[in-house]
């Protein structure tokens, strides 16, 4: 009597860059016993896909439009605790790793990881429930940095994101329904609060905190 083959590990991918997502999918399709069953471009699509397909593993980026990966992970973990969630990100700061884990992620690897690590990560989360590369595991032992929301008001974070995207005061004012003068006041307060003296430093801060992509 022929033994039945083990069921494939069903994976849903989420990344807002089509090329990156296609590359990850191509690598996963080369792994025996792993099947990519759906792909999403943002956190909202990811939540909907998990709701309808209930995969074994989710592999998601953090910084995505509409809904970011952390919010999506939080919602999925609350409703489908059996789904294993792996973060695949370019951010390796301790704050990001800890936020992802606190939200329900059981694994975290970098986008510059060697291809074999994708297979290793999926096998590990299915077998043991977790996967953290040595470099990421080390990050988890470090103290957390304050987040942008710890240091700035919600409005200031909103304005900082737009400044870091290269938008002028008039453009920001128009987008947020404020006066240019109000935007300039907010910018001065942001610089004062963060003790940063120029736009380049503000942009580097926004990238480090994951407010914009590098």
N, C-alpha and C. Protein backbone atom coordinates (compact mmCIF):
# COMPACT_ATOMS: atom_id res chain seq x y z
N UNK A 1 0.85 -1.20 0.00
CA UNK A 1 0.00 0.00 0.00
C UNK A 1 0.89 1.25 0.00
N UNK A 2 0.60 2.18 -0.92
CA UNK A 2 1.45 3.36 -1.06
C UNK A 2 1.19 4.36 0.08
N UNK A 3 2.31 4.82 0.69
CA UNK A 3 2.17 5.79 1.78
C UNK A 3 1.74 7.13 1.20
N UNK A 4 0.84 7.81 1.90
CA UNK A 4 0.39 9.12 1.41
C UNK A 4 1.49 10.15 1.68
N UNK A 5 1.67 11.05 0.71
CA UNK A 5 2.70 12.08 0.87
C UNK A 5 2.22 13.12 1.86
N UNK A 6 3.16 13.68 2.67
CA UNK A 6 2.74 14.72 3.62
C UNK A 6 2.20 15.93 2.87
N UNK A 7 1.20 16.58 3.48
CA UNK A 7 0.59 17.75 2.84
C UNK A 7 1.61 18.88 2.75
N UNK A 8 1.58 19.60 1.64
CA UNK A 8 2.52 20.73 1.44
C UNK A 8 2.24 21.83 2.46
N UNK A 9 3.29 22.54 2.85
CA UNK A 9 3.16 23.71 3.72
C UNK A 9 2.64 24.85 2.84
N UNK A 10 1.46 25.36 3.19
CA UNK A 10 0.80 26.39 2.37
C UNK A 10 1.21 27.78 2.86
N UNK A 11 1.80 28.56 1.96
CA UNK A 11 2.36 29.87 2.31
C UNK A 11 1.64 31.00 1.58
N UNK A 12 1.37 32.08 2.32
CA UNK A 12 0.87 33.32 1.70
C UNK A 12 1.96 34.38 1.86
N UNK A 13 2.30 35.06 0.77
CA UNK A 13 3.35 36.09 0.75
C UNK A 13 2.74 37.48 0.70
N UNK A 14 3.38 38.44 1.37
CA UNK A 14 2.94 39.84 1.24
C UNK A 14 4.16 40.76 1.16
N UNK A 15 4.21 41.54 0.08
CA UNK A 15 5.27 42.54 -0.12
C UNK A 15 4.74 43.51 -1.18
N UNK A 16 4.99 44.80 -0.99
CA UNK A 16 4.43 45.77 -1.94
C UNK A 16 5.27 45.91 -3.21
N UNK A 17 6.44 45.27 -3.25
CA UNK A 17 7.27 45.31 -4.46
C UNK A 17 7.07 44.01 -5.24
N UNK A 18 6.48 44.12 -6.41
CA UNK A 18 6.16 42.92 -7.21
C UNK A 18 7.39 42.09 -7.52
N UNK A 19 8.49 42.76 -7.85
CA UNK A 19 9.72 42.05 -8.22
C UNK A 19 10.28 41.26 -7.04
N UNK A 20 10.28 41.89 -5.87
CA UNK A 20 10.78 41.22 -4.66
C UNK A 20 9.90 40.00 -4.35
N UNK A 21 8.59 40.22 -4.42
CA UNK A 21 7.64 39.14 -4.12
C UNK A 21 7.81 37.97 -5.10
N UNK A 22 8.00 38.30 -6.38
CA UNK A 22 8.19 37.25 -7.39
C UNK A 22 9.46 36.45 -7.13
N UNK A 23 10.51 37.15 -6.70
CA UNK A 23 11.78 36.48 -6.39
C UNK A 23 11.65 35.52 -5.22
N UNK A 24 10.95 35.97 -4.17
CA UNK A 24 10.74 35.13 -2.98
C UNK A 24 9.90 33.91 -3.36
N UNK A 25 8.85 34.17 -4.14
CA UNK A 25 7.97 33.08 -4.58
C UNK A 25 8.76 32.03 -5.38
N UNK A 26 9.61 32.51 -6.31
CA UNK A 26 10.40 31.60 -7.13
C UNK A 26 11.31 30.73 -6.26
N UNK A 27 11.92 31.33 -5.24
CA UNK A 27 12.80 30.57 -4.34
C UNK A 27 12.00 29.54 -3.54
N UNK A 28 10.82 29.94 -3.06
CA UNK A 28 10.00 29.03 -2.25
C UNK A 28 9.47 27.86 -3.08
N UNK A 29 9.18 28.12 -4.35
CA UNK A 29 8.65 27.06 -5.21
C UNK A 29 9.69 25.97 -5.50
N UNK A 30 10.96 26.30 -5.23
CA UNK A 30 12.02 25.31 -5.42
C UNK A 30 12.18 24.40 -4.20
N UNK A 31 11.48 24.76 -3.12
CA UNK A 31 11.59 23.99 -1.87
C UNK A 31 10.55 22.86 -1.87
N UNK A 32 11.00 21.64 -1.68
CA UNK A 32 10.09 20.49 -1.62
C UNK A 32 9.09 20.65 -0.49
N UNK A 33 7.83 20.39 -0.79
CA UNK A 33 6.82 20.39 0.27
C UNK A 33 6.35 21.77 0.69
N UNK A 34 6.68 22.80 -0.12
CA UNK A 34 6.22 24.17 0.17
C UNK A 34 5.47 24.69 -1.04
N UNK A 35 4.29 25.27 -0.79
CA UNK A 35 3.45 25.77 -1.89
C UNK A 35 2.99 27.19 -1.57
N UNK A 36 3.31 28.13 -2.47
CA UNK A 36 2.84 29.51 -2.32
C UNK A 36 1.43 29.57 -2.90
N UNK A 37 0.43 29.78 -2.04
CA UNK A 37 -0.96 29.69 -2.50
C UNK A 37 -1.58 31.05 -2.83
N UNK A 38 -0.95 32.15 -2.38
CA UNK A 38 -1.49 33.48 -2.68
C UNK A 38 -0.46 34.55 -2.34
N UNK A 39 -0.66 35.74 -2.93
CA UNK A 39 0.24 36.87 -2.70
C UNK A 39 -0.57 38.14 -2.49
N UNK A 40 -0.08 39.01 -1.60
CA UNK A 40 -0.72 40.29 -1.37
C UNK A 40 0.28 41.43 -1.48
N UNK A 41 -0.25 42.64 -1.81
CA UNK A 41 0.63 43.81 -1.96
C UNK A 41 0.64 44.70 -0.72
N UNK A 42 -0.25 44.44 0.23
CA UNK A 42 -0.29 45.25 1.45
C UNK A 42 -0.92 44.44 2.58
N UNK A 43 -0.89 45.02 3.78
CA UNK A 43 -1.39 44.31 4.95
C UNK A 43 -2.87 43.98 4.89
N UNK A 44 -3.65 44.88 4.29
CA UNK A 44 -5.10 44.66 4.19
C UNK A 44 -5.39 43.43 3.32
N UNK A 45 -4.70 43.36 2.17
CA UNK A 45 -4.86 42.19 1.29
C UNK A 45 -4.43 40.92 2.01
N UNK A 46 -3.35 41.03 2.78
CA UNK A 46 -2.84 39.86 3.52
C UNK A 46 -3.89 39.33 4.50
N UNK A 47 -4.49 40.22 5.26
CA UNK A 47 -5.52 39.82 6.24
C UNK A 47 -6.68 39.12 5.52
N UNK A 48 -7.10 39.67 4.40
CA UNK A 48 -8.21 39.08 3.64
C UNK A 48 -7.85 37.69 3.10
N UNK A 49 -6.61 37.55 2.62
CA UNK A 49 -6.15 36.25 2.09
C UNK A 49 -6.10 35.19 3.19
N UNK A 50 -5.60 35.58 4.35
CA UNK A 50 -5.52 34.63 5.47
C UNK A 50 -6.93 34.22 5.90
N UNK A 51 -7.83 35.19 5.92
CA UNK A 51 -9.22 34.93 6.29
C UNK A 51 -9.86 33.89 5.36
N UNK A 52 -9.60 34.01 4.06
CA UNK A 52 -10.25 33.10 3.11
C UNK A 52 -9.50 31.78 2.93
N UNK A 53 -8.17 31.80 3.08
CA UNK A 53 -7.38 30.59 2.76
C UNK A 53 -6.83 29.85 3.98
N UNK A 54 -6.67 30.58 5.10
CA UNK A 54 -6.10 30.01 6.34
C UNK A 54 -4.86 29.15 6.06
N UNK A 55 -3.77 29.81 5.61
CA UNK A 55 -2.53 29.10 5.29
C UNK A 55 -1.82 28.59 6.54
N UNK A 56 -0.75 27.85 6.32
CA UNK A 56 0.08 27.40 7.45
C UNK A 56 1.04 28.51 7.88
N UNK A 57 1.62 29.19 6.86
CA UNK A 57 2.65 30.20 7.12
C UNK A 57 2.35 31.47 6.33
N UNK A 58 2.58 32.61 6.98
CA UNK A 58 2.53 33.91 6.32
C UNK A 58 3.96 34.44 6.31
N UNK A 59 4.40 34.94 5.16
CA UNK A 59 5.70 35.58 5.08
C UNK A 59 5.45 37.00 4.60
N UNK A 60 5.75 37.99 5.46
CA UNK A 60 5.35 39.36 5.14
C UNK A 60 6.45 40.38 5.39
N UNK A 61 6.42 41.43 4.57
CA UNK A 61 7.25 42.62 4.78
C UNK A 61 6.59 43.43 5.90
N UNK A 62 7.31 44.42 6.42
CA UNK A 62 6.72 45.29 7.46
C UNK A 62 6.17 46.57 6.84
N UNK A 63 7.03 47.27 6.07
CA UNK A 63 6.64 48.57 5.53
C UNK A 63 5.88 48.40 4.23
N UNK A 64 4.54 48.55 4.31
CA UNK A 64 3.68 48.40 3.14
C UNK A 64 2.58 49.46 3.19
N UNK A 65 2.03 49.85 2.02
CA UNK A 65 0.95 50.84 2.03
C UNK A 65 -0.37 50.27 2.53
N UNK A 66 -1.36 51.14 2.70
CA UNK A 66 -2.73 50.81 3.14
C UNK A 66 -2.74 50.30 4.57
N UNK A 67 -2.09 49.16 4.82
CA UNK A 67 -1.92 48.63 6.18
C UNK A 67 -0.53 48.02 6.27
N UNK A 68 0.24 48.41 7.30
CA UNK A 68 1.60 47.88 7.40
C UNK A 68 1.60 46.45 7.94
N UNK A 69 2.75 45.81 7.85
CA UNK A 69 2.87 44.41 8.25
C UNK A 69 2.61 44.16 9.73
N UNK A 70 3.04 45.09 10.58
CA UNK A 70 2.85 44.91 12.04
C UNK A 70 1.36 44.88 12.37
N UNK A 71 0.59 45.81 11.79
CA UNK A 71 -0.86 45.86 12.04
C UNK A 71 -1.52 44.57 11.53
N UNK A 72 -1.09 44.14 10.34
CA UNK A 72 -1.66 42.91 9.76
C UNK A 72 -1.35 41.70 10.64
N UNK A 73 -0.11 41.61 11.13
CA UNK A 73 0.30 40.51 12.01
C UNK A 73 -0.56 40.49 13.28
N UNK A 74 -0.76 41.68 13.86
CA UNK A 74 -1.58 41.80 15.09
C UNK A 74 -2.99 41.26 14.85
N UNK A 75 -3.61 41.67 13.73
CA UNK A 75 -4.98 41.25 13.43
C UNK A 75 -5.06 39.74 13.15
N UNK A 76 -4.09 39.23 12.39
CA UNK A 76 -4.09 37.80 12.05
C UNK A 76 -3.87 36.96 13.30
N UNK A 77 -2.93 37.38 14.13
CA UNK A 77 -2.61 36.62 15.35
C UNK A 77 -3.83 36.54 16.28
N UNK A 78 -4.58 37.64 16.36
CA UNK A 78 -5.76 37.68 17.23
C UNK A 78 -6.85 36.72 16.73
N UNK A 79 -7.00 36.61 15.40
CA UNK A 79 -8.09 35.82 14.83
C UNK A 79 -7.69 34.40 14.42
N UNK A 80 -6.43 34.24 14.03
CA UNK A 80 -5.95 32.93 13.56
C UNK A 80 -4.63 32.59 14.23
N UNK A 81 -4.65 32.31 15.54
CA UNK A 81 -3.39 32.11 16.27
C UNK A 81 -2.56 30.92 15.78
N UNK A 82 -3.19 30.00 15.03
CA UNK A 82 -2.46 28.83 14.53
C UNK A 82 -1.59 29.12 13.31
N UNK A 83 -1.80 30.29 12.67
CA UNK A 83 -1.01 30.64 11.48
C UNK A 83 0.36 31.15 11.94
N UNK A 84 1.41 30.54 11.41
CA UNK A 84 2.77 30.98 11.77
C UNK A 84 3.16 32.16 10.89
N UNK A 85 3.67 33.22 11.52
CA UNK A 85 3.99 34.43 10.77
C UNK A 85 5.47 34.77 10.81
N UNK A 86 6.05 34.83 9.63
CA UNK A 86 7.47 35.15 9.46
C UNK A 86 7.59 36.55 8.85
N UNK A 87 8.42 37.37 9.43
CA UNK A 87 8.69 38.69 8.86
C UNK A 87 9.94 38.58 7.99
N UNK A 88 9.85 39.14 6.79
CA UNK A 88 10.99 39.20 5.88
C UNK A 88 11.19 40.68 5.58
N UNK A 89 12.21 41.30 6.18
CA UNK A 89 12.31 42.75 6.14
C UNK A 89 13.73 43.24 5.86
N UNK A 90 13.83 44.52 5.47
CA UNK A 90 15.14 45.14 5.34
C UNK A 90 15.53 45.84 6.65
N UNK A 91 14.59 45.92 7.59
CA UNK A 91 14.86 46.58 8.87
C UNK A 91 15.34 45.57 9.91
N UNK A 92 16.49 45.87 10.52
CA UNK A 92 17.01 44.94 11.52
C UNK A 92 17.18 45.59 12.89
N UNK A 93 16.57 46.78 13.09
CA UNK A 93 16.72 47.44 14.39
C UNK A 93 15.95 46.66 15.45
N UNK A 94 16.44 46.74 16.67
CA UNK A 94 15.85 45.98 17.77
C UNK A 94 14.38 46.32 17.96
N UNK A 95 14.04 47.60 17.73
CA UNK A 95 12.65 48.03 17.91
C UNK A 95 11.71 47.29 16.96
N UNK A 96 12.11 47.18 15.69
CA UNK A 96 11.27 46.49 14.71
C UNK A 96 11.10 45.02 15.05
N UNK A 97 12.20 44.38 15.41
CA UNK A 97 12.15 42.94 15.72
C UNK A 97 11.23 42.71 16.92
N UNK A 98 11.41 43.51 17.96
CA UNK A 98 10.60 43.32 19.17
C UNK A 98 9.12 43.64 18.93
N UNK A 99 8.85 44.68 18.12
CA UNK A 99 7.45 45.00 17.81
C UNK A 99 6.80 43.86 17.03
N UNK A 100 7.54 43.30 16.09
CA UNK A 100 7.01 42.19 15.29
C UNK A 100 6.68 40.99 16.18
N UNK A 101 7.59 40.67 17.08
CA UNK A 101 7.39 39.52 17.98
C UNK A 101 6.23 39.79 18.93
N UNK A 102 6.17 41.00 19.47
CA UNK A 102 5.08 41.36 20.40
C UNK A 102 3.72 41.30 19.69
N UNK A 103 3.71 41.55 18.38
CA UNK A 103 2.46 41.53 17.61
C UNK A 103 2.01 40.12 17.26
N UNK A 104 2.94 39.14 17.34
CA UNK A 104 2.55 37.76 17.04
C UNK A 104 3.44 37.05 16.04
N UNK A 105 4.48 37.73 15.52
CA UNK A 105 5.40 37.05 14.59
C UNK A 105 6.21 36.00 15.35
N UNK A 106 6.43 34.85 14.71
CA UNK A 106 7.21 33.82 15.38
C UNK A 106 8.57 33.63 14.70
N UNK A 107 8.85 34.48 13.72
CA UNK A 107 10.14 34.41 13.06
C UNK A 107 10.46 35.70 12.34
N UNK A 108 11.74 35.94 12.10
CA UNK A 108 12.17 37.21 11.50
C UNK A 108 13.47 36.95 10.75
N UNK A 109 13.49 37.28 9.46
CA UNK A 109 14.74 37.20 8.72
C UNK A 109 14.89 38.38 7.79
N UNK A 110 16.13 38.64 7.40
CA UNK A 110 16.43 39.81 6.59
C UNK A 110 16.30 39.52 5.10
N UNK A 111 15.99 40.57 4.32
CA UNK A 111 15.86 40.39 2.88
C UNK A 111 17.19 40.08 2.20
N UNK A 112 18.30 40.37 2.89
CA UNK A 112 19.59 40.03 2.30
C UNK A 112 20.11 38.67 2.79
N UNK A 113 19.22 37.88 3.41
CA UNK A 113 19.61 36.54 3.88
C UNK A 113 19.90 35.64 2.67
N UNK A 114 20.77 34.64 2.83
CA UNK A 114 21.02 33.71 1.73
C UNK A 114 19.74 32.90 1.43
N UNK A 115 19.53 32.51 0.17
CA UNK A 115 18.29 31.81 -0.21
C UNK A 115 17.96 30.58 0.64
N UNK A 116 18.99 29.82 1.07
CA UNK A 116 18.70 28.60 1.86
C UNK A 116 18.00 28.93 3.17
N UNK A 117 18.17 30.20 3.64
CA UNK A 117 17.58 30.57 4.93
C UNK A 117 16.05 30.63 4.87
N UNK A 118 15.49 30.90 3.68
CA UNK A 118 14.03 30.89 3.52
C UNK A 118 13.47 29.51 3.86
N UNK A 119 14.10 28.48 3.29
CA UNK A 119 13.66 27.10 3.57
C UNK A 119 13.84 26.77 5.04
N UNK A 120 15.02 27.14 5.55
CA UNK A 120 15.33 26.88 6.97
C UNK A 120 14.29 27.52 7.88
N UNK A 121 13.91 28.76 7.55
CA UNK A 121 12.94 29.50 8.39
C UNK A 121 11.57 28.82 8.38
N UNK A 122 11.10 28.41 7.20
CA UNK A 122 9.79 27.76 7.11
C UNK A 122 9.79 26.41 7.81
N UNK A 123 10.84 25.61 7.57
CA UNK A 123 10.94 24.31 8.24
C UNK A 123 10.97 24.49 9.77
N UNK A 124 11.70 25.49 10.21
CA UNK A 124 11.85 25.72 11.65
C UNK A 124 10.54 26.16 12.30
N UNK A 125 9.81 27.12 11.67
CA UNK A 125 8.55 27.57 12.30
C UNK A 125 7.51 26.45 12.30
N UNK A 126 7.56 25.57 11.30
CA UNK A 126 6.61 24.45 11.27
C UNK A 126 6.97 23.39 12.31
N UNK A 127 8.28 23.19 12.53
CA UNK A 127 8.72 22.14 13.46
C UNK A 127 8.77 22.61 14.91
N UNK A 128 9.28 23.82 15.13
CA UNK A 128 9.50 24.27 16.51
C UNK A 128 8.64 25.47 16.90
N UNK A 129 8.04 26.13 15.89
CA UNK A 129 7.19 27.30 16.20
C UNK A 129 7.91 28.62 16.09
N UNK A 130 9.25 28.62 15.94
CA UNK A 130 9.98 29.89 15.84
C UNK A 130 11.17 29.78 14.89
N UNK A 131 11.61 30.94 14.39
CA UNK A 131 12.88 31.00 13.66
C UNK A 131 13.44 32.43 13.73
N UNK A 132 14.63 32.54 14.27
CA UNK A 132 15.34 33.82 14.27
C UNK A 132 16.79 33.54 13.89
N UNK A 133 17.28 34.25 12.87
CA UNK A 133 18.68 34.05 12.49
C UNK A 133 19.56 34.51 13.65
N UNK A 134 20.81 34.05 13.74
CA UNK A 134 21.68 34.45 14.86
C UNK A 134 21.76 35.96 15.04
N UNK A 135 21.86 36.71 13.92
CA UNK A 135 21.97 38.18 14.01
C UNK A 135 20.71 38.80 14.62
N UNK A 136 19.54 38.29 14.21
CA UNK A 136 18.28 38.80 14.74
C UNK A 136 18.09 38.39 16.20
N UNK A 137 18.48 37.16 16.52
CA UNK A 137 18.39 36.69 17.92
C UNK A 137 19.19 37.60 18.84
N UNK A 138 20.33 38.07 18.34
CA UNK A 138 21.17 38.98 19.12
C UNK A 138 20.45 40.31 19.36
N UNK A 139 19.75 40.77 18.31
CA UNK A 139 18.99 42.03 18.44
C UNK A 139 17.96 41.94 19.56
N UNK A 140 17.35 40.77 19.71
CA UNK A 140 16.31 40.60 20.72
C UNK A 140 16.85 40.75 22.15
N UNK A 141 18.15 40.60 22.29
CA UNK A 141 18.77 40.73 23.62
C UNK A 141 19.12 42.19 23.94
N UNK A 142 19.04 43.06 22.92
CA UNK A 142 19.39 44.46 23.12
C UNK A 142 18.21 45.25 23.66
N UNK A 143 18.48 46.35 24.42
CA UNK A 143 17.36 47.18 24.90
C UNK A 143 16.68 47.90 23.73
N UNK A 144 15.38 48.11 23.84
CA UNK A 144 14.62 48.77 22.77
C UNK A 144 14.94 50.26 22.69
N UNK A 145 14.95 50.79 21.48
CA UNK A 145 15.03 52.25 21.26
C UNK A 145 13.61 52.80 21.35
N UNK A 146 13.46 54.08 21.72
CA UNK A 146 12.11 54.65 21.68
C UNK A 146 11.62 54.73 20.24
N UNK A 147 10.33 54.53 20.03
CA UNK A 147 9.76 54.63 18.68
C UNK A 147 9.50 56.10 18.35
N UNK A 148 9.20 56.40 17.09
CA UNK A 148 8.87 57.77 16.70
C UNK A 148 7.65 58.26 17.48
N UNK A 149 6.69 57.35 17.72
CA UNK A 149 5.47 57.73 18.46
C UNK A 149 5.76 58.03 19.93
N UNK A 150 6.85 57.47 20.46
CA UNK A 150 7.24 57.79 21.85
C UNK A 150 7.82 59.20 21.93
N UNK A 151 8.44 59.64 20.83
CA UNK A 151 9.17 60.91 20.86
C UNK A 151 8.40 62.09 20.26
N UNK A 152 7.42 61.77 19.41
CA UNK A 152 6.69 62.84 18.71
C UNK A 152 5.19 62.63 18.81
N UNK A 153 4.43 63.70 18.59
CA UNK A 153 2.97 63.57 18.56
C UNK A 153 2.55 62.91 17.24
N UNK A 154 1.31 62.49 17.18
CA UNK A 154 0.79 61.85 15.97
C UNK A 154 0.90 62.79 14.75
N UNK A 155 0.56 64.05 14.95
CA UNK A 155 0.64 65.05 13.87
C UNK A 155 2.09 65.26 13.44
N UNK A 156 3.00 65.30 14.42
CA UNK A 156 4.41 65.50 14.09
C UNK A 156 4.97 64.32 13.29
N UNK A 157 4.56 63.09 13.64
CA UNK A 157 5.00 61.91 12.89
C UNK A 157 4.50 62.01 11.45
N UNK A 158 3.24 62.45 11.29
CA UNK A 158 2.62 62.60 9.97
C UNK A 158 3.41 63.60 9.12
N UNK A 159 3.77 64.74 9.73
CA UNK A 159 4.51 65.78 9.03
C UNK A 159 5.94 65.32 8.73
N UNK A 160 6.55 64.65 9.69
CA UNK A 160 7.92 64.16 9.49
C UNK A 160 8.00 63.21 8.30
N UNK A 161 7.02 62.32 8.16
CA UNK A 161 6.99 61.38 7.03
C UNK A 161 7.01 62.14 5.71
N UNK A 162 6.21 63.20 5.62
CA UNK A 162 6.10 63.98 4.38
C UNK A 162 7.36 64.79 4.12
N UNK A 163 7.96 65.33 5.19
CA UNK A 163 9.24 66.05 5.05
C UNK A 163 10.29 65.09 4.49
N UNK A 164 10.33 63.87 5.08
CA UNK A 164 11.33 62.88 4.67
C UNK A 164 11.12 62.39 3.24
N UNK A 165 9.89 62.55 2.74
CA UNK A 165 9.60 62.19 1.35
C UNK A 165 9.98 63.31 0.39
N UNK A 166 10.54 64.40 0.94
CA UNK A 166 11.02 65.50 0.10
C UNK A 166 9.98 66.56 -0.21
N UNK A 167 8.87 66.55 0.53
CA UNK A 167 7.80 67.52 0.23
C UNK A 167 8.07 68.86 0.92
N UNK A 168 7.74 69.94 0.22
CA UNK A 168 7.92 71.29 0.76
C UNK A 168 6.76 71.63 1.69
N UNK A 169 6.96 72.70 2.49
CA UNK A 169 5.93 73.11 3.46
C UNK A 169 4.57 73.34 2.82
N UNK A 170 4.57 73.99 1.62
CA UNK A 170 3.30 74.28 0.95
C UNK A 170 2.57 73.00 0.55
N UNK A 171 3.33 72.01 0.04
CA UNK A 171 2.73 70.72 -0.36
C UNK A 171 2.15 69.99 0.86
N UNK A 172 2.92 70.01 1.95
CA UNK A 172 2.47 69.34 3.19
C UNK A 172 1.22 70.04 3.73
N UNK A 173 1.25 71.37 3.71
CA UNK A 173 0.11 72.15 4.19
C UNK A 173 -1.15 71.81 3.40
N UNK A 174 -1.01 71.74 2.07
CA UNK A 174 -2.15 71.42 1.20
C UNK A 174 -2.67 70.02 1.49
N UNK A 175 -1.74 69.06 1.64
CA UNK A 175 -2.13 67.66 1.85
C UNK A 175 -2.84 67.45 3.18
N UNK A 176 -2.40 68.18 4.21
CA UNK A 176 -2.97 67.97 5.55
C UNK A 176 -4.02 69.01 5.94
N UNK A 177 -4.27 69.96 5.04
CA UNK A 177 -5.27 71.00 5.35
C UNK A 177 -4.81 71.96 6.42
N UNK A 178 -3.52 72.28 6.40
CA UNK A 178 -2.94 73.22 7.37
C UNK A 178 -2.39 74.43 6.63
N UNK A 179 -1.95 75.44 7.38
CA UNK A 179 -1.25 76.57 6.74
C UNK A 179 0.24 76.24 6.68
N UNK A 180 0.95 76.87 5.74
CA UNK A 180 2.40 76.65 5.62
C UNK A 180 3.11 77.03 6.92
N UNK A 181 2.60 78.10 7.55
CA UNK A 181 3.22 78.58 8.79
C UNK A 181 3.11 77.51 9.88
N UNK A 182 1.94 76.85 9.96
CA UNK A 182 1.74 75.79 10.97
C UNK A 182 2.71 74.63 10.72
N UNK A 183 2.89 74.29 9.45
CA UNK A 183 3.82 73.21 9.10
C UNK A 183 5.24 73.58 9.53
N UNK A 184 5.63 74.84 9.26
CA UNK A 184 6.97 75.30 9.64
C UNK A 184 7.17 75.26 11.15
N UNK A 185 6.13 75.60 11.91
CA UNK A 185 6.20 75.55 13.37
C UNK A 185 6.39 74.10 13.83
N UNK A 186 5.61 73.20 13.23
CA UNK A 186 5.74 71.77 13.58
C UNK A 186 7.14 71.26 13.27
N UNK A 187 7.66 71.67 12.10
CA UNK A 187 9.00 71.20 11.70
C UNK A 187 10.06 71.68 12.71
N UNK A 188 9.94 72.94 13.12
CA UNK A 188 10.90 73.48 14.10
C UNK A 188 10.81 72.72 15.42
N UNK A 189 9.59 72.38 15.83
CA UNK A 189 9.41 71.63 17.09
C UNK A 189 9.94 70.21 16.98
N UNK A 190 9.74 69.59 15.82
CA UNK A 190 10.26 68.24 15.59
C UNK A 190 11.79 68.25 15.70
N UNK A 191 12.43 69.22 15.04
CA UNK A 191 13.89 69.34 15.07
C UNK A 191 14.40 69.57 16.50
N UNK A 192 13.66 70.42 17.22
CA UNK A 192 14.04 70.73 18.60
C UNK A 192 13.91 69.49 19.48
N UNK A 193 12.79 68.78 19.33
CA UNK A 193 12.53 67.61 20.16
C UNK A 193 13.52 66.49 19.89
N UNK A 194 13.89 66.32 18.61
CA UNK A 194 14.81 65.23 18.24
C UNK A 194 16.27 65.67 18.28
N UNK A 195 16.48 66.98 18.51
CA UNK A 195 17.83 67.57 18.51
C UNK A 195 18.55 67.28 17.19
N UNK A 196 17.84 67.53 16.11
CA UNK A 196 18.40 67.35 14.76
C UNK A 196 18.33 68.69 14.04
N UNK A 197 19.41 69.02 13.31
CA UNK A 197 19.52 70.37 12.77
C UNK A 197 19.22 70.56 11.31
N UNK A 198 18.96 69.48 10.55
CA UNK A 198 18.70 69.68 9.12
C UNK A 198 17.78 68.58 8.58
N UNK A 199 17.31 68.80 7.34
CA UNK A 199 16.36 67.87 6.71
C UNK A 199 16.98 66.50 6.48
N UNK A 200 18.27 66.47 6.13
CA UNK A 200 18.96 65.18 5.89
C UNK A 200 18.92 64.32 7.16
N UNK A 201 19.15 64.95 8.30
CA UNK A 201 19.13 64.21 9.58
C UNK A 201 17.72 63.72 9.90
N UNK A 202 16.72 64.55 9.60
CA UNK A 202 15.33 64.15 9.81
C UNK A 202 14.99 62.95 8.93
N UNK A 203 15.47 62.99 7.68
CA UNK A 203 15.20 61.89 6.74
C UNK A 203 15.84 60.60 7.23
N UNK A 204 17.09 60.69 7.69
CA UNK A 204 17.78 59.49 8.22
C UNK A 204 17.03 58.93 9.43
N UNK A 205 16.53 59.81 10.28
CA UNK A 205 15.75 59.40 11.46
C UNK A 205 14.48 58.66 11.00
N UNK A 206 13.78 59.23 9.99
CA UNK A 206 12.54 58.62 9.50
C UNK A 206 12.80 57.23 8.92
N UNK A 207 13.92 57.06 8.22
CA UNK A 207 14.28 55.75 7.67
C UNK A 207 14.58 54.77 8.79
N UNK A 208 15.36 55.21 9.77
CA UNK A 208 15.75 54.34 10.89
C UNK A 208 14.54 53.85 11.68
N UNK A 209 13.55 54.73 11.81
CA UNK A 209 12.35 54.37 12.58
C UNK A 209 11.29 53.68 11.71
N UNK A 210 11.61 53.50 10.42
CA UNK A 210 10.68 52.78 9.54
C UNK A 210 9.49 53.59 9.09
N UNK A 211 9.59 54.94 9.18
CA UNK A 211 8.47 55.78 8.73
C UNK A 211 8.43 55.86 7.20
N UNK A 212 9.60 55.77 6.58
CA UNK A 212 9.68 55.71 5.12
C UNK A 212 10.69 54.64 4.75
N UNK A 213 10.61 54.18 3.50
CA UNK A 213 11.58 53.20 3.02
C UNK A 213 12.84 53.89 2.57
N UNK A 214 14.01 53.28 2.78
CA UNK A 214 15.26 53.90 2.33
C UNK A 214 15.33 53.97 0.81
